[in-house]
Amino acid sequence: MRMDKLTSKFQSALADAQSLALGKDHQFIEPVHLMLALLDQEGGSVKPLLSQCSVNTQLLHTELHKELGRIATVSGSGGDVQISNELSRLLNLTDKLAQKTS
């Protein structure tokens, strides 16, 4: 995945997801971190889009926070947080799909 191909909003959401993972003492940035960051993003398009699709974004937000609580924490990692294999696969898949549509 090429970071320069991502929108500034998405790059910002990735940075927010990293901060969230770091703040929760998680070793990896998981899809749940990114989804929460996208959902909470000021001026972002994800929350309005989900609302248009009749998604209860408040319930989604609550459930995502519950999922965060299930992720193992680490101590003494020195703030080293990496993208998880699952998130990496997801981002690569979206990149591949985007290439097919352009």
N, C-alpha and C. Protein backbone atom coordinates (compact mmCIF):
# COMPACT_ATOMS: atom_id res chain seq x y z
N MET A 1 0.84 -1.17 0.00
CA MET A 1 0.00 0.00 0.00
C MET A 1 0.88 1.24 0.00
N ARG A 2 0.56 2.16 -0.87
CA ARG A 2 1.33 3.40 -0.96
C ARG A 2 0.59 4.50 -0.20
N MET A 3 1.26 5.03 0.81
CA MET A 3 0.66 6.06 1.65
C MET A 3 0.35 7.33 0.85
N ASP A 4 1.14 7.63 -0.17
CA ASP A 4 0.93 8.84 -0.95
C ASP A 4 -0.35 8.77 -1.79
N LYS A 5 -0.90 7.58 -1.96
CA LYS A 5 -2.14 7.41 -2.72
C LYS A 5 -3.38 7.62 -1.85
N LEU A 6 -3.19 7.66 -0.53
CA LEU A 6 -4.31 7.81 0.40
C LEU A 6 -4.69 9.28 0.53
N THR A 7 -5.97 9.53 0.74
CA THR A 7 -6.41 10.90 0.96
C THR A 7 -5.84 11.41 2.29
N SER A 8 -5.79 12.70 2.42
CA SER A 8 -5.28 13.28 3.68
C SER A 8 -6.19 12.90 4.85
N LYS A 9 -7.48 12.77 4.61
CA LYS A 9 -8.41 12.36 5.67
C LYS A 9 -8.11 10.94 6.12
N PHE A 10 -7.83 10.06 5.17
CA PHE A 10 -7.54 8.67 5.53
C PHE A 10 -6.19 8.57 6.24
N GLN A 11 -5.21 9.32 5.79
CA GLN A 11 -3.91 9.35 6.47
C GLN A 11 -4.08 9.86 7.90
N SER A 12 -4.93 10.86 8.07
CA SER A 12 -5.22 11.38 9.40
C SER A 12 -5.90 10.33 10.27
N ALA A 13 -6.82 9.58 9.68
CA ALA A 13 -7.52 8.51 10.42
C ALA A 13 -6.53 7.41 10.83
N LEU A 14 -5.58 7.08 9.97
CA LEU A 14 -4.56 6.10 10.33
C LEU A 14 -3.72 6.59 11.50
N ALA A 15 -3.38 7.88 11.48
CA ALA A 15 -2.61 8.45 12.59
C ALA A 15 -3.43 8.43 13.88
N ASP A 16 -4.71 8.73 13.76
CA ASP A 16 -5.60 8.68 14.94
C ASP A 16 -5.74 7.25 15.46
N ALA A 17 -5.81 6.29 14.55
CA ALA A 17 -5.90 4.88 14.94
C ALA A 17 -4.62 4.45 15.67
N GLN A 18 -3.49 4.94 15.19
CA GLN A 18 -2.22 4.64 15.85
C GLN A 18 -2.21 5.22 17.26
N SER A 19 -2.66 6.45 17.40
CA SER A 19 -2.72 7.09 18.72
C SER A 19 -3.66 6.34 19.65
N LEU A 20 -4.78 5.88 19.11
CA LEU A 20 -5.74 5.11 19.90
C LEU A 20 -5.11 3.81 20.39
N ALA A 21 -4.45 3.10 19.49
CA ALA A 21 -3.78 1.84 19.87
C ALA A 21 -2.70 2.10 20.92
N LEU A 22 -1.94 3.12 20.72
CA LEU A 22 -0.88 3.47 21.67
C LEU A 22 -1.46 3.82 23.04
N GLY A 23 -2.52 4.61 23.04
CA GLY A 23 -3.16 5.00 24.29
C GLY A 23 -3.77 3.84 25.05
N LYS A 24 -4.16 2.80 24.33
CA LYS A 24 -4.76 1.62 24.96
C LYS A 24 -3.73 0.53 25.26
N ASP A 25 -2.45 0.83 25.02
CA ASP A 25 -1.36 -0.14 25.23
C ASP A 25 -1.53 -1.38 24.36
N HIS A 26 -2.00 -1.17 23.13
CA HIS A 26 -2.12 -2.28 22.17
C HIS A 26 -0.85 -2.30 21.32
N GLN A 27 -0.41 -3.49 20.98
CA GLN A 27 0.82 -3.64 20.22
C GLN A 27 0.61 -3.36 18.73
N PHE A 28 -0.61 -3.61 18.25
CA PHE A 28 -0.88 -3.47 16.82
C PHE A 28 -2.08 -2.55 16.59
N ILE A 29 -2.08 -1.89 15.43
CA ILE A 29 -3.22 -1.12 14.97
C ILE A 29 -4.12 -2.11 14.23
N GLU A 30 -5.28 -2.32 14.77
CA GLU A 30 -6.23 -3.29 14.22
C GLU A 30 -7.32 -2.55 13.43
N PRO A 31 -8.09 -3.28 12.61
CA PRO A 31 -9.19 -2.65 11.89
C PRO A 31 -10.16 -1.89 12.81
N VAL A 32 -10.37 -2.39 14.02
CA VAL A 32 -11.29 -1.72 14.95
C VAL A 32 -10.76 -0.33 15.33
N HIS A 33 -9.45 -0.18 15.47
CA HIS A 33 -8.87 1.13 15.76
C HIS A 33 -9.16 2.10 14.60
N LEU A 34 -8.95 1.61 13.41
CA LEU A 34 -9.17 2.45 12.23
C LEU A 34 -10.64 2.80 12.06
N MET A 35 -11.52 1.83 12.26
CA MET A 35 -12.95 2.10 12.12
C MET A 35 -13.40 3.15 13.13
N LEU A 36 -12.93 3.05 14.37
CA LEU A 36 -13.28 4.06 15.37
C LEU A 36 -12.75 5.43 14.97
N ALA A 37 -11.53 5.46 14.48
CA ALA A 37 -10.94 6.73 14.05
C ALA A 37 -11.74 7.34 12.91
N LEU A 38 -12.15 6.51 11.96
CA LEU A 38 -12.95 7.01 10.84
C LEU A 38 -14.33 7.48 11.31
N LEU A 39 -14.90 6.76 12.24
CA LEU A 39 -16.22 7.11 12.76
C LEU A 39 -16.19 8.41 13.55
N ASP A 40 -15.10 8.63 14.27
CA ASP A 40 -14.98 9.83 15.11
C ASP A 40 -14.38 11.03 14.38
N GLN A 41 -13.97 10.85 13.15
CA GLN A 41 -13.26 11.89 12.43
C GLN A 41 -14.13 13.13 12.18
N GLU A 42 -13.61 14.26 12.60
CA GLU A 42 -14.30 15.55 12.41
C GLU A 42 -14.31 15.88 10.91
N GLY A 43 -15.49 16.09 10.37
CA GLY A 43 -15.62 16.43 8.96
C GLY A 43 -15.42 15.26 8.02
N GLY A 44 -15.37 14.06 8.56
CA GLY A 44 -15.18 12.86 7.73
C GLY A 44 -16.47 12.45 7.05
N SER A 45 -16.36 11.54 6.12
CA SER A 45 -17.52 11.11 5.36
C SER A 45 -18.10 9.77 5.82
N VAL A 46 -17.38 9.05 6.68
CA VAL A 46 -17.81 7.71 7.06
C VAL A 46 -19.09 7.73 7.89
N LYS A 47 -19.12 8.55 8.92
CA LYS A 47 -20.30 8.60 9.79
C LYS A 47 -21.55 9.03 9.02
N PRO A 48 -21.48 10.11 8.23
CA PRO A 48 -22.68 10.49 7.45
C PRO A 48 -23.10 9.41 6.45
N LEU A 49 -22.12 8.75 5.84
CA LEU A 49 -22.44 7.69 4.88
C LEU A 49 -23.14 6.52 5.56
N LEU A 50 -22.62 6.11 6.72
CA LEU A 50 -23.26 5.03 7.47
C LEU A 50 -24.66 5.43 7.94
N SER A 51 -24.81 6.67 8.36
CA SER A 51 -26.13 7.16 8.78
C SER A 51 -27.12 7.12 7.63
N GLN A 52 -26.66 7.49 6.43
CA GLN A 52 -27.52 7.44 5.24
C GLN A 52 -27.97 6.01 4.95
N CYS A 53 -27.15 5.04 5.33
CA CYS A 53 -27.47 3.63 5.12
C CYS A 53 -28.24 3.05 6.29
N SER A 54 -28.75 3.92 7.15
CA SER A 54 -29.55 3.54 8.32
C SER A 54 -28.78 2.73 9.36
N VAL A 55 -27.47 2.94 9.43
CA VAL A 55 -26.66 2.30 10.46
C VAL A 55 -26.76 3.12 11.73
N ASN A 56 -26.99 2.46 12.83
CA ASN A 56 -27.02 3.13 14.13
C ASN A 56 -25.57 3.37 14.54
N THR A 57 -25.05 4.55 14.22
CA THR A 57 -23.63 4.83 14.45
C THR A 57 -23.29 4.90 15.93
N GLN A 58 -24.24 5.28 16.76
CA GLN A 58 -23.98 5.30 18.21
C GLN A 58 -23.79 3.88 18.73
N LEU A 59 -24.65 2.96 18.30
CA LEU A 59 -24.51 1.56 18.70
C LEU A 59 -23.21 0.98 18.15
N LEU A 60 -22.89 1.28 16.91
CA LEU A 60 -21.65 0.82 16.30
C LEU A 60 -20.45 1.31 17.11
N HIS A 61 -20.49 2.57 17.48
CA HIS A 61 -19.42 3.17 18.28
C HIS A 61 -19.26 2.43 19.61
N THR A 62 -20.36 2.14 20.26
CA THR A 62 -20.35 1.42 21.53
C THR A 62 -19.77 0.02 21.36
N GLU A 63 -20.19 -0.68 20.33
CA GLU A 63 -19.71 -2.04 20.09
C GLU A 63 -18.22 -2.05 19.73
N LEU A 64 -17.78 -1.06 18.98
CA LEU A 64 -16.36 -0.98 18.64
C LEU A 64 -15.51 -0.75 19.90
N HIS A 65 -16.01 0.08 20.81
CA HIS A 65 -15.29 0.29 22.07
C HIS A 65 -15.24 -1.00 22.90
N LYS A 66 -16.32 -1.77 22.87
CA LYS A 66 -16.31 -3.06 23.58
C LYS A 66 -15.25 -3.97 22.98
N GLU A 67 -15.16 -3.96 21.66
CA GLU A 67 -14.17 -4.80 20.97
C GLU A 67 -12.75 -4.36 21.34
N LEU A 68 -12.53 -3.07 21.50
CA LEU A 68 -11.21 -2.59 21.93
C LEU A 68 -10.81 -3.19 23.26
N GLY A 69 -11.79 -3.34 24.14
CA GLY A 69 -11.53 -3.90 25.46
C GLY A 69 -11.11 -5.36 25.42
N ARG A 70 -11.36 -6.03 24.32
CA ARG A 70 -11.01 -7.44 24.18
C ARG A 70 -9.58 -7.65 23.65
N ILE A 71 -8.96 -6.58 23.19
CA ILE A 71 -7.62 -6.69 22.62
C ILE A 71 -6.60 -6.71 23.75
N ALA A 72 -5.66 -7.62 23.64
CA ALA A 72 -4.61 -7.75 24.66
C ALA A 72 -3.76 -6.48 24.73
N THR A 73 -3.34 -6.16 25.94
CA THR A 73 -2.47 -5.00 26.13
C THR A 73 -1.05 -5.48 26.39
N VAL A 74 -0.10 -4.60 26.10
CA VAL A 74 1.31 -4.90 26.35
C VAL A 74 1.92 -3.76 27.14
N SER A 75 2.95 -4.08 27.89
CA SER A 75 3.66 -3.04 28.61
C SER A 75 5.14 -3.12 28.25
N GLY A 76 5.80 -2.00 28.35
CA GLY A 76 7.22 -1.97 28.07
C GLY A 76 7.58 -2.04 26.60
N SER A 77 6.64 -1.72 25.74
CA SER A 77 6.93 -1.78 24.30
C SER A 77 7.59 -0.49 23.80
N GLY A 78 7.66 0.51 24.65
CA GLY A 78 8.31 1.75 24.25
C GLY A 78 7.55 2.55 23.22
N GLY A 79 6.28 2.30 23.10
CA GLY A 79 5.46 3.06 22.16
C GLY A 79 5.56 2.58 20.73
N ASP A 80 6.09 1.41 20.52
CA ASP A 80 6.22 0.86 19.17
C ASP A 80 4.92 0.15 18.79
N VAL A 81 4.13 0.79 17.92
CA VAL A 81 2.86 0.24 17.48
C VAL A 81 2.93 0.04 15.97
N GLN A 82 2.53 -1.15 15.51
CA GLN A 82 2.61 -1.48 14.10
C GLN A 82 1.23 -1.85 13.57
N ILE A 83 1.08 -1.77 12.26
CA ILE A 83 -0.16 -2.20 11.63
C ILE A 83 -0.24 -3.72 11.71
N SER A 84 -1.38 -4.23 12.16
CA SER A 84 -1.57 -5.68 12.28
C SER A 84 -1.63 -6.33 10.91
N ASN A 85 -1.41 -7.64 10.90
CA ASN A 85 -1.53 -8.40 9.65
C ASN A 85 -2.93 -8.27 9.07
N GLU A 86 -3.94 -8.31 9.94
CA GLU A 86 -5.32 -8.21 9.47
C GLU A 86 -5.60 -6.86 8.81
N LEU A 87 -5.15 -5.78 9.43
CA LEU A 87 -5.36 -4.46 8.84
C LEU A 87 -4.55 -4.31 7.56
N SER A 88 -3.35 -4.84 7.55
CA SER A 88 -2.51 -4.78 6.34
C SER A 88 -3.20 -5.50 5.17
N ARG A 89 -3.74 -6.69 5.44
CA ARG A 89 -4.46 -7.43 4.39
C ARG A 89 -5.68 -6.63 3.90
N LEU A 90 -6.39 -6.03 4.82
CA LEU A 90 -7.57 -5.24 4.47
C LEU A 90 -7.20 -4.04 3.59
N LEU A 91 -6.13 -3.35 3.97
CA LEU A 91 -5.69 -2.19 3.19
C LEU A 91 -5.18 -2.61 1.81
N ASN A 92 -4.49 -3.74 1.74
CA ASN A 92 -4.02 -4.24 0.45
C ASN A 92 -5.19 -4.64 -0.45
N LEU A 93 -6.22 -5.23 0.14
CA LEU A 93 -7.41 -5.60 -0.62
C LEU A 93 -8.11 -4.36 -1.18
N THR A 94 -8.23 -3.33 -0.35
CA THR A 94 -8.88 -2.11 -0.83
C THR A 94 -8.06 -1.44 -1.92
N ASP A 95 -6.73 -1.52 -1.82
CA ASP A 95 -5.86 -0.97 -2.84
C ASP A 95 -6.07 -1.71 -4.15
N LYS A 96 -6.15 -3.03 -4.07
CA LYS A 96 -6.37 -3.86 -5.26
C LYS A 96 -7.71 -3.54 -5.91
N LEU A 97 -8.74 -3.40 -5.10
CA LEU A 97 -10.06 -3.06 -5.63
C LEU A 97 -10.08 -1.68 -6.27
N ALA A 98 -9.37 -0.75 -5.66
CA ALA A 98 -9.32 0.61 -6.21
C ALA A 98 -8.62 0.60 -7.57
N GLN A 99 -7.62 -0.22 -7.73
CA GLN A 99 -6.90 -0.30 -9.01
C GLN A 99 -7.78 -0.87 -10.11
N LYS A 100 -8.68 -1.76 -9.74
CA LYS A 100 -9.57 -2.37 -10.73
C LYS A 100 -10.60 -1.37 -11.24
N THR A 101 -10.99 -0.40 -10.37
CA THR A 101 -12.04 0.54 -10.75
C THR A 101 -11.49 1.79 -11.41
N SER A 102 -10.17 1.96 -11.41
CA SER A 102 -9.62 3.19 -12.03
C SER A 102 -9.11 2.94 -13.41
